[in-house]
Amino acid sequence: MSKEKPEVGDVWVNKDMNIKIFIVGIDKYNSGIECLLYDMDDDFFYAKVFYFLTNCEYLGKSKIKIEELFDVKD
């Protein structure tokens, strides 16, 4: 479930700044700590999952699939 375990394509809101956040990637550092790559107002950041879950609120899944982001018309 995305609310308990963030996934690519999720939409969250930062509780303090009231800014929508889009999860665009999940990565692990050498230590094995899972981090999220997210887009906040066209700037990209990394955050540890625990920090993210305690400071953000889950809104739902994005209507756009990440696979469709780079589709082009013929």
C-alpha atoms as a PDB file:
ATOM      1  CA  MET A   1       0.000   0.000   0.000  1.00  0.00           C
ATOM      2  CA  SER A   2       1.420   3.365  -1.006  1.00  0.00           C
ATOM      3  CA  LYS A   3       0.364   5.163   2.173  1.00  0.00           C
ATOM      4  CA  GLU A   4       2.525   2.840   4.274  1.00  0.00           C
ATOM      5  CA  LYS A   5       5.267   2.268   1.706  1.00  0.00           C
ATOM      6  CA  PRO A   6       5.759   5.083  -0.837  1.00  0.00           C
ATOM      7  CA  GLU A   7       5.856   4.032  -4.494  1.00  0.00           C
ATOM      8  CA  VAL A   8       6.778   5.694  -7.772  1.00  0.00           C
ATOM      9  CA  GLY A   9       3.784   7.671  -8.985  1.00  0.00           C
ATOM     10  CA  ASP A  10       2.488   8.584  -5.524  1.00  0.00           C
ATOM     11  CA  VAL A  11       1.407  12.122  -4.739  1.00  0.00           C
ATOM     12  CA  TRP A  12       2.062  13.453  -1.243  1.00  0.00           C
ATOM     13  CA  VAL A  13       1.925  16.870   0.410  1.00  0.00           C
ATOM     14  CA  ASN A  14       4.552  18.351   2.703  1.00  0.00           C
ATOM     15  CA  LYS A  15       2.682  19.124   5.946  1.00  0.00           C
ATOM     16  CA  ASP A  16       4.738  22.214   6.825  1.00  0.00           C
ATOM     17  CA  MET A  17       4.962  23.866   3.406  1.00  0.00           C
ATOM     18  CA  ASN A  18       1.680  22.612   1.869  1.00  0.00           C
ATOM     19  CA  ILE A  19       3.510  21.700  -1.362  1.00  0.00           C
ATOM     20  CA  LYS A  20       2.595  18.677  -3.508  1.00  0.00           C
ATOM     21  CA  ILE A  21       5.348  16.111  -3.896  1.00  0.00           C
ATOM     22  CA  PHE A  22       5.611  13.443  -6.612  1.00  0.00           C
ATOM     23  CA  ILE A  23       7.648  10.270  -6.019  1.00  0.00           C
ATOM     24  CA  VAL A  24       9.778   9.710  -9.127  1.00  0.00           C
ATOM     25  CA  GLY A  25      12.236   7.092  -7.897  1.00  0.00           C
ATOM     26  CA  ILE A  26      13.335   4.832  -5.060  1.00  0.00           C
ATOM     27  CA  ASP A  27      17.013   4.177  -4.412  1.00  0.00           C
ATOM     28  CA  LYS A  28      19.262   2.620  -1.786  1.00  0.00           C
ATOM     29  CA  TYR A  29      22.488   4.088  -0.520  1.00  0.00           C
ATOM     30  CA  ASN A  30      25.535   1.883   0.097  1.00  0.00           C
ATOM     31  CA  SER A  31      24.339   1.420   3.680  1.00  0.00           C
ATOM     32  CA  GLY A  32      21.119  -0.155   2.385  1.00  0.00           C
ATOM     33  CA  ILE A  33      18.952   2.705   3.626  1.00  0.00           C
ATOM     34  CA  GLU A  34      16.062   3.211   1.240  1.00  0.00           C
ATOM     35  CA  CYS A  35      15.567   6.772   0.022  1.00  0.00           C
ATOM     36  CA  LEU A  36      12.970   8.435  -2.152  1.00  0.00           C
ATOM     37  CA  LEU A  37      13.694  10.719  -5.073  1.00  0.00           C
ATOM     38  CA  TYR A  38      10.920  13.250  -5.282  1.00  0.00           C
ATOM     39  CA  ASP A  39       9.939  16.286  -7.307  1.00  0.00           C
ATOM     40  CA  MET A  40       8.813  19.345  -5.362  1.00  0.00           C
ATOM     41  CA  ASP A  41       8.048  22.369  -7.526  1.00  0.00           C
ATOM     42  CA  ASP A  42      10.417  21.171 -10.301  1.00  0.00           C
ATOM     43  CA  ASP A  43      13.324  20.632  -7.885  1.00  0.00           C
ATOM     44  CA  PHE A  44      14.480  17.090  -7.110  1.00  0.00           C
ATOM     45  CA  PHE A  45      15.440  15.876  -3.636  1.00  0.00           C
ATOM     46  CA  TYR A  46      16.267  12.667  -1.761  1.00  0.00           C
ATOM     47  CA  ALA A  47      14.788  11.800   1.634  1.00  0.00           C
ATOM     48  CA  LYS A  48      14.919   8.752   3.881  1.00  0.00           C
ATOM     49  CA  VAL A  49      11.590   6.931   3.895  1.00  0.00           C
ATOM     50  CA  PHE A  50      11.097   7.372   7.673  1.00  0.00           C
ATOM     51  CA  TYR A  51      11.690  11.130   7.487  1.00  0.00           C
ATOM     52  CA  PHE A  52       9.353  11.354   4.521  1.00  0.00           C
ATOM     53  CA  LEU A  53       6.544   9.410   6.234  1.00  0.00           C
ATOM     54  CA  THR A  54       6.717  11.580   9.346  1.00  0.00           C
ATOM     55  CA  ASN A  55       6.708  14.912   7.476  1.00  0.00           C
ATOM     56  CA  CYS A  56       4.375  14.253   4.541  1.00  0.00           C
ATOM     57  CA  GLU A  57       0.782  13.173   4.003  1.00  0.00           C
ATOM     58  CA  TYR A  58      -0.347  10.707   1.318  1.00  0.00           C
ATOM     59  CA  LEU A  59      -2.823  12.129  -1.233  1.00  0.00           C
ATOM     60  CA  GLY A  60      -3.076   9.245  -3.723  1.00  0.00           C
ATOM     61  CA  LYS A  61      -1.740   7.951  -7.026  1.00  0.00           C
ATOM     62  CA  SER A  62      -0.915  10.278  -9.888  1.00  0.00           C
ATOM     63  CA  LYS A  63      -3.309  10.097 -12.837  1.00  0.00           C
ATOM     64  CA  ILE A  64      -0.315   9.989 -15.182  1.00  0.00           C
ATOM     65  CA  LYS A  65       1.784   6.843 -15.451  1.00  0.00           C
ATOM     66  CA  ILE A  66       5.537   7.414 -15.256  1.00  0.00           C
ATOM     67  CA  GLU A  67       5.959   5.207 -18.356  1.00  0.00           C
ATOM     68  CA  GLU A  68       3.871   7.682 -20.366  1.00  0.00           C
ATOM     69  CA  LEU A  69       6.006  10.658 -19.405  1.00  0.00           C
ATOM     70  CA  PHE A  70       8.335  10.320 -22.405  1.00  0.00           C
ATOM     71  CA  ASP A  71       5.795   9.087 -24.977  1.00  0.00           C
ATOM     72  CA  VAL A  72       5.814  11.116 -28.183  1.00  0.00           C
ATOM     73  CA  LYS A  73       3.338  11.419 -31.029  1.00  0.00           C
ATOM     74  CA  ASP A  74       4.320  10.153 -34.475  1.00  0.00           C
END
